[in-house]
């Protein structure tokens, strides 16, 4: 049990980074899709698709349980992706900020 305590803050930072990376991929995949139409699926790797799917799943689940000022998941993903250069945050603060709280 004591071994897990120091790991928790690092894990929270990793989760926020993972969400930011996933949302960046989600924005990029749909930007590619809009630009390339049918070729987008062929230019998206499995790992890119998995990261994008993680972001979309987190956003969908968060919206199921919390109020967001927008239901547009692309707008939410873009807001989270834009946080990449900011100070490390936790996943809850990223989601609250994206939802306008």
PDB file of N, CA and C in Angstrom:
ATOM      1  N   UNK A   1       0.823  -1.185   0.000  1.00  0.00           N
ATOM      2  CA  UNK A   1       0.000   0.000   0.000  1.00  0.00           C
ATOM      3  C   UNK A   1       0.870   1.251   0.000  1.00  0.00           C
ATOM      4  N   UNK A   2       1.905   1.290   0.773  1.00  0.00           N
ATOM      5  CA  UNK A   2       2.774   2.462   0.821  1.00  0.00           C
ATOM      6  C   UNK A   2       3.474   2.707  -0.507  1.00  0.00           C
ATOM      7  N   UNK A   3       3.738   1.670  -1.249  1.00  0.00           N
ATOM      8  CA  UNK A   3       4.392   1.839  -2.537  1.00  0.00           C
ATOM      9  C   UNK A   3       3.495   2.550  -3.546  1.00  0.00           C
ATOM     10  N   UNK A   4       2.208   2.441  -3.400  1.00  0.00           N
ATOM     11  CA  UNK A   4       1.307   3.075  -4.355  1.00  0.00           C
ATOM     12  C   UNK A   4       1.131   4.566  -4.102  1.00  0.00           C
ATOM     13  N   UNK A   5       1.399   5.051  -2.904  1.00  0.00           N
ATOM     14  CA  UNK A   5       1.197   6.466  -2.586  1.00  0.00           C
ATOM     15  C   UNK A   5       2.078   7.400  -3.411  1.00  0.00           C
ATOM     16  N   UNK A   6       3.384   7.200  -3.507  1.00  0.00           N
ATOM     17  CA  UNK A   6       4.186   8.119  -4.305  1.00  0.00           C
ATOM     18  C   UNK A   6       3.856   8.046  -5.793  1.00  0.00           C
ATOM     19  N   UNK A   7       3.300   6.965  -6.227  1.00  0.00           N
ATOM     20  CA  UNK A   7       2.995   6.778  -7.635  1.00  0.00           C
ATOM     21  C   UNK A   7       1.751   7.545  -8.075  1.00  0.00           C
ATOM     22  N   UNK A   8       0.823   7.831  -7.189  1.00  0.00           N
ATOM     23  CA  UNK A   8      -0.441   8.454  -7.557  1.00  0.00           C
ATOM     24  C   UNK A   8      -0.302   9.820  -8.208  1.00  0.00           C
ATOM     25  N   UNK A   9       0.474  10.774  -7.692  1.00  0.00           N
ATOM     26  CA  UNK A   9       0.599  12.059  -8.377  1.00  0.00           C
ATOM     27  C   UNK A   9       1.208  11.915  -9.772  1.00  0.00           C
ATOM     28  N   UNK A  10       2.179  11.048  -9.921  1.00  0.00           N
ATOM     29  CA  UNK A  10       2.777  10.831 -11.235  1.00  0.00           C
ATOM     30  C   UNK A  10       1.748  10.230 -12.185  1.00  0.00           C
ATOM     31  N   UNK A  11       0.912   9.359 -11.684  1.00  0.00           N
ATOM     32  CA  UNK A  11      -0.130   8.744 -12.500  1.00  0.00           C
ATOM     33  C   UNK A  11      -1.128   9.785 -12.981  1.00  0.00           C
ATOM     34  N   UNK A  12      -1.512  10.715 -12.118  1.00  0.00           N
ATOM     35  CA  UNK A  12      -2.462  11.756 -12.507  1.00  0.00           C
ATOM     36  C   UNK A  12      -1.892  12.602 -13.631  1.00  0.00           C
ATOM     37  N   UNK A  13      -0.619  12.936 -13.546  1.00  0.00           N
ATOM     38  CA  UNK A  13       0.037  13.710 -14.593  1.00  0.00           C
ATOM     39  C   UNK A  13       0.082  12.921 -15.892  1.00  0.00           C
ATOM     40  N   UNK A  14       0.369  11.631 -15.798  1.00  0.00           N
ATOM     41  CA  UNK A  14       0.409  10.768 -16.975  1.00  0.00           C
ATOM     42  C   UNK A  14      -0.967  10.685 -17.623  1.00  0.00           C
ATOM     43  N   UNK A  15      -2.021  10.577 -16.833  1.00  0.00           N
ATOM     44  CA  UNK A  15      -3.369  10.516 -17.379  1.00  0.00           C
ATOM     45  C   UNK A  15      -3.735  11.797 -18.108  1.00  0.00           C
ATOM     46  N   UNK A  16      -3.360  12.953 -17.561  1.00  0.00           N
ATOM     47  CA  UNK A  16      -3.645  14.227 -18.220  1.00  0.00           C
ATOM     48  C   UNK A  16      -2.872  14.311 -19.533  1.00  0.00           C
ATOM     49  N   UNK A  17      -1.629  13.897 -19.514  1.00  0.00           N
ATOM     50  CA  UNK A  17      -0.820  13.886 -20.737  1.00  0.00           C
ATOM     51  C   UNK A  17      -1.426  12.948 -21.766  1.00  0.00           C
ATOM     52  N   UNK A  18      -1.868  11.804 -21.319  1.00  0.00           N
ATOM     53  CA  UNK A  18      -2.491  10.831 -22.216  1.00  0.00           C
ATOM     54  C   UNK A  18      -3.764  11.399 -22.838  1.00  0.00           C
ATOM     55  N   UNK A  19      -4.562  12.112 -22.043  1.00  0.00           N
ATOM     56  CA  UNK A  19      -5.785  12.719 -22.565  1.00  0.00           C
ATOM     57  C   UNK A  19      -5.451  13.813 -23.570  1.00  0.00           C
ATOM     58  N   UNK A  20      -4.481  14.654 -23.265  1.00  0.00           N
ATOM     59  CA  UNK A  20      -4.077  15.713 -24.192  1.00  0.00           C
ATOM     60  C   UNK A  20      -3.583  15.111 -25.506  1.00  0.00           C
ATOM     61  N   UNK A  21      -2.753  14.082 -25.417  1.00  0.00           N
ATOM     62  CA  UNK A  21      -2.245  13.422 -26.627  1.00  0.00           C
ATOM     63  C   UNK A  21      -3.381  12.789 -27.425  1.00  0.00           C
ATOM     64  N   UNK A  22      -4.303  12.153 -26.723  1.00  0.00           N
ATOM     65  CA  UNK A  22      -5.435  11.524 -27.398  1.00  0.00           C
ATOM     66  C   UNK A  22      -6.325  12.539 -28.090  1.00  0.00           C
ATOM     67  N   UNK A  23      -6.576  13.648 -27.421  1.00  0.00           N
ATOM     68  CA  UNK A  23      -7.427  14.682 -28.016  1.00  0.00           C
ATOM     69  C   UNK A  23      -6.728  15.367 -29.181  1.00  0.00           C
ATOM     70  N   UNK A  24      -5.413  15.495 -29.086  1.00  0.00           N
ATOM     71  CA  UNK A  24      -4.653  16.031 -30.219  1.00  0.00           C
ATOM     72  C   UNK A  24      -4.794  15.100 -31.418  1.00  0.00           C
ATOM     73  N   UNK A  25      -4.685  13.805 -31.180  1.00  0.00           N
ATOM     74  CA  UNK A  25      -4.871  12.824 -32.263  1.00  0.00           C
ATOM     75  C   UNK A  25      -6.288  12.888 -32.830  1.00  0.00           C
ATOM     76  N   UNK A  26      -7.275  13.008 -31.954  1.00  0.00           N
ATOM     77  CA  UNK A  26      -8.667  13.065 -32.399  1.00  0.00           C
ATOM     78  C   UNK A  26      -8.889  14.258 -33.322  1.00  0.00           C
ATOM     79  N   UNK A  27      -8.373  15.410 -32.926  1.00  0.00           N
ATOM     80  CA  UNK A  27      -8.483  16.608 -33.767  1.00  0.00           C
ATOM     81  C   UNK A  27      -7.765  16.378 -35.092  1.00  0.00           C
ATOM     82  N   UNK A  28      -6.563  15.804 -35.038  1.00  0.00           N
ATOM     83  CA  UNK A  28      -5.792  15.558 -36.263  1.00  0.00           C
ATOM     84  C   UNK A  28      -6.458  14.554 -37.191  1.00  0.00           C
ATOM     85  N   UNK A  29      -7.016  13.499 -36.646  1.00  0.00           N
ATOM     86  CA  UNK A  29      -7.692  12.487 -37.472  1.00  0.00           C
ATOM     87  C   UNK A  29      -8.856  13.113 -38.227  1.00  0.00           C
ATOM     88  N   UNK A  30      -9.649  13.910 -37.541  1.00  0.00           N
ATOM     89  CA  UNK A  30     -10.809  14.505 -38.211  1.00  0.00           C
ATOM     90  C   UNK A  30     -10.424  15.658 -39.130  1.00  0.00           C
ATOM     91  N   UNK A  31      -9.308  16.319 -38.851  1.00  0.00           N
ATOM     92  CA  UNK A  31      -8.800  17.324 -39.788  1.00  0.00           C
ATOM     93  C   UNK A  31      -8.353  16.632 -41.062  1.00  0.00           C
ATOM     94  N   UNK A  32      -7.633  15.517 -40.904  1.00  0.00           N
ATOM     95  CA  UNK A  32      -7.205  14.717 -42.065  1.00  0.00           C
ATOM     96  C   UNK A  32      -8.414  14.227 -42.847  1.00  0.00           C
ATOM     97  N   UNK A  33      -9.418  13.764 -42.121  1.00  0.00           N
ATOM     98  CA  UNK A  33     -10.619  13.240 -42.775  1.00  0.00           C
ATOM     99  C   UNK A  33     -11.289  14.331 -43.601  1.00  0.00           C
ATOM    100  N   UNK A  34     -11.370  15.523 -43.039  1.00  0.00           N
ATOM    101  CA  UNK A  34     -11.999  16.620 -43.762  1.00  0.00           C
ATOM    102  C   UNK A  34     -11.197  17.020 -44.996  1.00  0.00           C
ATOM    103  N   UNK A  35      -9.875  16.924 -44.909  1.00  0.00           N
ATOM    104  CA  UNK A  35      -9.014  17.318 -46.022  1.00  0.00           C
ATOM    105  C   UNK A  35      -8.883  16.214 -47.071  1.00  0.00           C
ATOM    106  N   UNK A  36      -8.785  14.978 -46.618  1.00  0.00           N
ATOM    107  CA  UNK A  36      -8.494  13.875 -47.530  1.00  0.00           C
ATOM    108  C   UNK A  36      -9.703  13.016 -47.888  1.00  0.00           C
ATOM    109  N   UNK A  37     -10.789  13.233 -47.219  1.00  0.00           N
ATOM    110  CA  UNK A  37     -12.009  12.432 -47.405  1.00  0.00           C
ATOM    111  C   UNK A  37     -11.738  10.955 -47.151  1.00  0.00           C
ATOM    112  N   UNK A  38     -11.844  10.123 -48.170  1.00  0.00           N
ATOM    113  CA  UNK A  38     -11.790   8.670 -47.987  1.00  0.00           C
ATOM    114  C   UNK A  38     -10.397   8.148 -47.642  1.00  0.00           C
ATOM    115  N   UNK A  39      -9.349   8.880 -47.973  1.00  0.00           N
ATOM    116  CA  UNK A  39      -7.982   8.414 -47.706  1.00  0.00           C
ATOM    117  C   UNK A  39      -7.595   8.550 -46.240  1.00  0.00           C
ATOM    118  N   UNK A  40      -8.366   9.267 -45.457  1.00  0.00           N
ATOM    119  CA  UNK A  40      -8.005   9.493 -44.051  1.00  0.00           C
ATOM    120  C   UNK A  40      -7.867   8.186 -43.284  1.00  0.00           C
ATOM    121  N   UNK A  41      -8.744   7.255 -43.516  1.00  0.00           N
ATOM    122  CA  UNK A  41      -8.678   5.971 -42.804  1.00  0.00           C
ATOM    123  C   UNK A  41      -7.397   5.227 -43.142  1.00  0.00           C
ATOM    124  N   UNK A  42      -6.905   5.396 -44.342  1.00  0.00           N
ATOM    125  CA  UNK A  42      -5.685   4.705 -44.752  1.00  0.00           C
ATOM    126  C   UNK A  42      -4.427   5.407 -44.256  1.00  0.00           C
ATOM    127  N   UNK A  43      -4.534   6.679 -43.884  1.00  0.00           N
ATOM    128  CA  UNK A  43      -3.357   7.409 -43.415  1.00  0.00           C
ATOM    129  C   UNK A  43      -3.303   7.514 -41.889  1.00  0.00           C
ATOM    130  N   UNK A  44      -4.264   6.929 -41.202  1.00  0.00           N
ATOM    131  CA  UNK A  44      -4.301   6.942 -39.750  1.00  0.00           C
ATOM    132  C   UNK A  44      -3.821   5.595 -39.232  1.00  0.00           C
ATOM    133  N   UNK A  45      -2.779   5.628 -38.397  1.00  0.00           N
ATOM    134  CA  UNK A  45      -2.241   4.384 -37.851  1.00  0.00           C
ATOM    135  C   UNK A  45      -3.158   3.847 -36.748  1.00  0.00           C
ATOM    136  N   UNK A  46      -2.939   2.608 -36.393  1.00  0.00           N
ATOM    137  CA  UNK A  46      -3.709   1.992 -35.321  1.00  0.00           C
ATOM    138  C   UNK A  46      -3.468   2.718 -34.002  1.00  0.00           C
ATOM    139  N   UNK A  47      -2.223   3.080 -33.716  1.00  0.00           N
ATOM    140  CA  UNK A  47      -1.933   3.772 -32.456  1.00  0.00           C
ATOM    141  C   UNK A  47      -2.577   5.155 -32.422  1.00  0.00           C
ATOM    142  N   UNK A  48      -2.607   5.864 -33.549  1.00  0.00           N
ATOM    143  CA  UNK A  48      -3.290   7.166 -33.613  1.00  0.00           C
ATOM    144  C   UNK A  48      -4.778   6.988 -33.356  1.00  0.00           C
ATOM    145  N   UNK A  49      -5.348   5.980 -33.974  1.00  0.00           N
ATOM    146  CA  UNK A  49      -6.776   5.715 -33.798  1.00  0.00           C
ATOM    147  C   UNK A  49      -7.098   5.337 -32.354  1.00  0.00           C
ATOM    148  N   UNK A  50      -6.227   4.580 -31.712  1.00  0.00           N
ATOM    149  CA  UNK A  50      -6.445   4.186 -30.319  1.00  0.00           C
ATOM    150  C   UNK A  50      -6.385   5.402 -29.394  1.00  0.00           C
ATOM    151  N   UNK A  51      -5.407   6.282 -29.609  1.00  0.00           N
ATOM    152  CA  UNK A  51      -5.307   7.488 -28.780  1.00  0.00           C
ATOM    153  C   UNK A  51      -6.524   8.388 -28.992  1.00  0.00           C
ATOM    154  N   UNK A  52      -6.936   8.533 -30.241  1.00  0.00           N
ATOM    155  CA  UNK A  52      -8.120   9.346 -30.548  1.00  0.00           C
ATOM    156  C   UNK A  52      -9.364   8.737 -29.903  1.00  0.00           C
ATOM    157  N   UNK A  53      -9.488   7.421 -29.957  1.00  0.00           N
ATOM    158  CA  UNK A  53     -10.628   6.735 -29.350  1.00  0.00           C
ATOM    159  C   UNK A  53     -10.656   6.887 -27.842  1.00  0.00           C
ATOM    160  N   UNK A  54      -9.482   6.916 -27.231  1.00  0.00           N
ATOM    161  CA  UNK A  54      -9.415   7.134 -25.782  1.00  0.00           C
ATOM    162  C   UNK A  54      -9.995   8.492 -25.436  1.00  0.00           C
ATOM    163  N   UNK A  55      -9.578   9.526 -26.166  1.00  0.00           N
ATOM    164  CA  UNK A  55     -10.091  10.873 -25.909  1.00  0.00           C
ATOM    165  C   UNK A  55     -11.602  10.912 -26.093  1.00  0.00           C
ATOM    166  N   UNK A  56     -12.077  10.360 -27.190  1.00  0.00           N
ATOM    167  CA  UNK A  56     -13.522  10.393 -27.465  1.00  0.00           C
ATOM    168  C   UNK A  56     -14.301   9.663 -26.378  1.00  0.00           C
ATOM    169  N   UNK A  57     -13.786   8.549 -25.925  1.00  0.00           N
ATOM    170  CA  UNK A  57     -14.443   7.797 -24.858  1.00  0.00           C
ATOM    171  C   UNK A  57     -14.486   8.560 -23.553  1.00  0.00           C
ATOM    172  N   UNK A  58     -13.389   9.209 -23.199  1.00  0.00           N
ATOM    173  CA  UNK A  58     -13.349  10.006 -21.967  1.00  0.00           C
ATOM    174  C   UNK A  58     -14.338  11.159 -22.062  1.00  0.00           C
ATOM    175  N   UNK A  59     -14.364  11.842 -23.212  1.00  0.00           N
ATOM    176  CA  UNK A  59     -15.296  12.958 -23.396  1.00  0.00           C
ATOM    177  C   UNK A  59     -16.746  12.490 -23.308  1.00  0.00           C
ATOM    178  N   UNK A  60     -17.057  11.392 -23.963  1.00  0.00           N
ATOM    179  CA  UNK A  60     -18.431  10.869 -23.929  1.00  0.00           C
ATOM    180  C   UNK A  60     -18.850  10.504 -22.511  1.00  0.00           C
ATOM    181  N   UNK A  61     -17.965   9.840 -21.797  1.00  0.00           N
ATOM    182  CA  UNK A  61     -18.282   9.416 -20.433  1.00  0.00           C
ATOM    183  C   UNK A  61     -18.412  10.628 -19.511  1.00  0.00           C
ATOM    184  N   UNK A  62     -17.551  11.603 -19.663  1.00  0.00           N
ATOM    185  CA  UNK A  62     -17.626  12.807 -18.835  1.00  0.00           C
ATOM    186  C   UNK A  62     -18.950  13.532 -19.084  1.00  0.00           C
ATOM    187  N   UNK A  63     -19.350  13.636 -20.337  1.00  0.00           N
ATOM    188  CA  UNK A  63     -20.602  14.318 -20.679  1.00  0.00           C
ATOM    189  C   UNK A  63     -21.827  13.560 -20.163  1.00  0.00           C
ATOM    190  N   UNK A  64     -21.715  12.249 -20.041  1.00  0.00           N
ATOM    191  CA  UNK A  64     -22.837  11.464 -19.503  1.00  0.00           C
ATOM    192  C   UNK A  64     -23.138  11.827 -18.063  1.00  0.00           C
ATOM    193  N   UNK A  65     -22.100  12.214 -17.321  1.00  0.00           N
ATOM    194  CA  UNK A  65     -22.246  12.450 -15.888  1.00  0.00           C
ATOM    195  C   UNK A  65     -22.113  13.907 -15.471  1.00  0.00           C
ATOM    196  N   UNK A  66     -21.738  14.773 -16.386  1.00  0.00           N
ATOM    197  CA  UNK A  66     -21.492  16.178 -16.050  1.00  0.00           C
ATOM    198  C   UNK A  66     -22.071  17.087 -17.119  1.00  0.00           C
ATOM    199  N   UNK A  67     -22.400  18.293 -16.725  1.00  0.00           N
ATOM    200  CA  UNK A  67     -22.923  19.272 -17.667  1.00  0.00           C
ATOM    201  C   UNK A  67     -21.765  19.963 -18.388  1.00  0.00           C
ATOM    202  N   UNK A  68     -21.892  20.088 -19.701  1.00  0.00           N
ATOM    203  CA  UNK A  68     -20.932  20.829 -20.511  1.00  0.00           C
ATOM    204  C   UNK A  68     -21.686  21.914 -21.266  1.00  0.00           C
ATOM    205  N   UNK A  69     -21.036  23.053 -21.450  1.00  0.00           N
ATOM    206  CA  UNK A  69     -21.684  24.144 -22.167  1.00  0.00           C
ATOM    207  C   UNK A  69     -21.866  23.820 -23.645  1.00  0.00           C
ATOM    208  N   UNK A  70     -21.147  22.827 -24.147  1.00  0.00           N
ATOM    209  CA  UNK A  70     -21.298  22.385 -25.526  1.00  0.00           C
ATOM    210  C   UNK A  70     -21.360  20.863 -25.568  1.00  0.00           C
ATOM    211  N   UNK A  71     -22.070  20.346 -26.530  1.00  0.00           N
ATOM    212  CA  UNK A  71     -22.111  18.898 -26.739  1.00  0.00           C
ATOM    213  C   UNK A  71     -21.203  18.496 -27.907  1.00  0.00           C
ATOM    214  N   UNK A  72     -20.533  19.473 -28.507  1.00  0.00           N
ATOM    215  CA  UNK A  72     -19.651  19.248 -29.648  1.00  0.00           C
ATOM    216  C   UNK A  72     -18.317  18.663 -29.176  1.00  0.00           C
ATOM    217  N   UNK A  73     -18.160  17.356 -29.342  1.00  0.00           N
ATOM    218  CA  UNK A  73     -16.958  16.691 -28.855  1.00  0.00           C
ATOM    219  C   UNK A  73     -15.707  17.177 -29.574  1.00  0.00           C
ATOM    220  N   UNK A  74     -15.825  17.638 -30.826  1.00  0.00           N
ATOM    221  CA  UNK A  74     -14.660  18.171 -31.535  1.00  0.00           C
ATOM    222  C   UNK A  74     -14.169  19.457 -30.868  1.00  0.00           C
ATOM    223  N   UNK A  75     -15.098  20.285 -30.439  1.00  0.00           N
ATOM    224  CA  UNK A  75     -14.741  21.529 -29.755  1.00  0.00           C
ATOM    225  C   UNK A  75     -14.084  21.217 -28.404  1.00  0.00           C
ATOM    226  N   UNK A  76     -14.644  20.244 -27.687  1.00  0.00           N
ATOM    227  CA  UNK A  76     -14.069  19.836 -26.403  1.00  0.00           C
ATOM    228  C   UNK A  76     -12.657  19.273 -26.593  1.00  0.00           C
ATOM    229  N   UNK A  77     -12.490  18.411 -27.586  1.00  0.00           N
ATOM    230  CA  UNK A  77     -11.181  17.812 -27.865  1.00  0.00           C
ATOM    231  C   UNK A  77     -10.171  18.891 -28.249  1.00  0.00           C
ATOM    232  N   UNK A  78     -10.598  19.851 -29.044  1.00  0.00           N
ATOM    233  CA  UNK A  78      -9.708  20.924 -29.456  1.00  0.00           C
ATOM    234  C   UNK A  78      -9.275  21.769 -28.259  1.00  0.00           C
ATOM    235  N   UNK A  79     -10.202  22.035 -27.347  1.00  0.00           N
ATOM    236  CA  UNK A  79      -9.871  22.796 -26.137  1.00  0.00           C
ATOM    237  C   UNK A  79      -8.845  22.055 -25.294  1.00  0.00           C
ATOM    238  N   UNK A  80      -9.034  20.759 -25.132  1.00  0.00           N
ATOM    239  CA  UNK A  80      -8.089  19.956 -24.347  1.00  0.00           C
ATOM    240  C   UNK A  80      -6.743  19.869 -25.056  1.00  0.00           C
ATOM    241  N   UNK A  81      -6.743  19.658 -26.365  1.00  0.00           N
ATOM    242  CA  UNK A  81      -5.491  19.569 -27.123  1.00  0.00           C
ATOM    243  C   UNK A  81      -4.692  20.861 -27.023  1.00  0.00           C
ATOM    244  N   UNK A  82      -5.379  21.978 -26.940  1.00  0.00           N
ATOM    245  CA  UNK A  82      -4.687  23.269 -26.865  1.00  0.00           C
ATOM    246  C   UNK A  82      -3.991  23.476 -25.518  1.00  0.00           C
ATOM    247  N   UNK A  83      -4.254  22.626 -24.552  1.00  0.00           N
ATOM    248  CA  UNK A  83      -3.647  22.734 -23.224  1.00  0.00           C
ATOM    249  C   UNK A  83      -2.267  22.087 -23.155  1.00  0.00           C
ATOM    250  N   UNK A  84      -1.797  21.528 -24.258  1.00  0.00           N
ATOM    251  CA  UNK A  84      -0.539  20.770 -24.261  1.00  0.00           C
ATOM    252  C   UNK A  84       0.653  21.578 -23.774  1.00  0.00           C
ATOM    253  N   UNK A  85       0.682  22.860 -24.042  1.00  0.00           N
ATOM    254  CA  UNK A  85       1.839  23.676 -23.676  1.00  0.00           C
ATOM    255  C   UNK A  85       1.724  24.305 -22.294  1.00  0.00           C
ATOM    256  N   UNK A  86       0.576  24.143 -21.670  1.00  0.00           N
ATOM    257  CA  UNK A  86       0.378  24.732 -20.348  1.00  0.00           C
ATOM    258  C   UNK A  86       0.979  23.851 -19.262  1.00  0.00           C
ATOM    259  N   UNK A  87       1.003  24.398 -18.084  1.00  0.00           N
ATOM    260  CA  UNK A  87       1.488  23.715 -16.900  1.00  0.00           C
ATOM    261  C   UNK A  87       0.782  22.367 -16.732  1.00  0.00           C
ATOM    262  N   UNK A  88       1.471  21.349 -16.226  1.00  0.00           N
ATOM    263  CA  UNK A  88       0.808  20.057 -16.017  1.00  0.00           C
ATOM    264  C   UNK A  88      -0.462  20.212 -15.177  1.00  0.00           C
ATOM    265  N   UNK A  89      -1.491  19.515 -15.587  1.00  0.00           N
ATOM    266  CA  UNK A  89      -2.782  19.575 -14.909  1.00  0.00           C
ATOM    267  C   UNK A  89      -3.256  18.159 -14.645  1.00  0.00           C
ATOM    268  N   UNK A  90      -4.356  18.061 -13.908  1.00  0.00           N
ATOM    269  CA  UNK A  90      -4.943  16.739 -13.753  1.00  0.00           C
ATOM    270  C   UNK A  90      -6.094  16.602 -14.746  1.00  0.00           C
ATOM    271  N   UNK A  91      -6.525  15.398 -14.928  1.00  0.00           N
ATOM    272  CA  UNK A  91      -7.528  15.096 -15.946  1.00  0.00           C
ATOM    273  C   UNK A  91      -8.862  15.790 -15.649  1.00  0.00           C
ATOM    274  N   UNK A  92      -9.235  15.887 -14.377  1.00  0.00           N
ATOM    275  CA  UNK A  92     -10.491  16.541 -14.018  1.00  0.00           C
ATOM    276  C   UNK A  92     -10.485  18.020 -14.370  1.00  0.00           C
ATOM    277  N   UNK A  93      -9.365  18.697 -14.112  1.00  0.00           N
ATOM    278  CA  UNK A  93      -9.311  20.126 -14.428  1.00  0.00           C
ATOM    279  C   UNK A  93      -9.344  20.352 -15.936  1.00  0.00           C
ATOM    280  N   UNK A  94      -8.732  19.468 -16.711  1.00  0.00           N
ATOM    281  CA  UNK A  94      -8.798  19.577 -18.172  1.00  0.00           C
ATOM    282  C   UNK A  94     -10.240  19.454 -18.668  1.00  0.00           C
ATOM    283  N   UNK A  95     -10.952  18.480 -18.129  1.00  0.00           N
ATOM    284  CA  UNK A  95     -12.338  18.250 -18.555  1.00  0.00           C
ATOM    285  C   UNK A  95     -13.256  19.381 -18.106  1.00  0.00           C
ATOM    286  N   UNK A  96     -13.076  19.847 -16.886  1.00  0.00           N
ATOM    287  CA  UNK A  96     -13.896  20.975 -16.406  1.00  0.00           C
ATOM    288  C   UNK A  96     -13.665  22.219 -17.250  1.00  0.00           C
ATOM    289  N   UNK A  97     -12.422  22.500 -17.547  1.00  0.00           N
ATOM    290  CA  UNK A  97     -12.091  23.679 -18.342  1.00  0.00           C
ATOM    291  C   UNK A  97     -12.697  23.569 -19.751  1.00  0.00           C
ATOM    292  N   UNK A  98     -12.604  22.394 -20.358  1.00  0.00           N
ATOM    293  CA  UNK A  98     -13.171  22.184 -21.692  1.00  0.00           C
ATOM    294  C   UNK A  98     -14.690  22.357 -21.684  1.00  0.00           C
ATOM    295  N   UNK A  99     -15.317  21.985 -20.586  1.00  0.00           N
ATOM    296  CA  UNK A  99     -16.767  22.072 -20.476  1.00  0.00           C
ATOM    297  C   UNK A  99     -17.249  23.435 -20.005  1.00  0.00           C
ATOM    298  N   UNK A 100     -16.338  24.351 -19.780  1.00  0.00           N
ATOM    299  CA  UNK A 100     -16.723  25.703 -19.415  1.00  0.00           C
ATOM    300  C   UNK A 100     -16.961  25.923 -17.948  1.00  0.00           C
ATOM    301  N   UNK A 101     -16.308  25.155 -17.091  1.00  0.00           N
ATOM    302  CA  UNK A 101     -16.474  25.315 -15.634  1.00  0.00           C
ATOM    303  C   UNK A 101     -15.274  25.980 -15.037  1.00  0.00           C
TER     304      UNK A 101
END
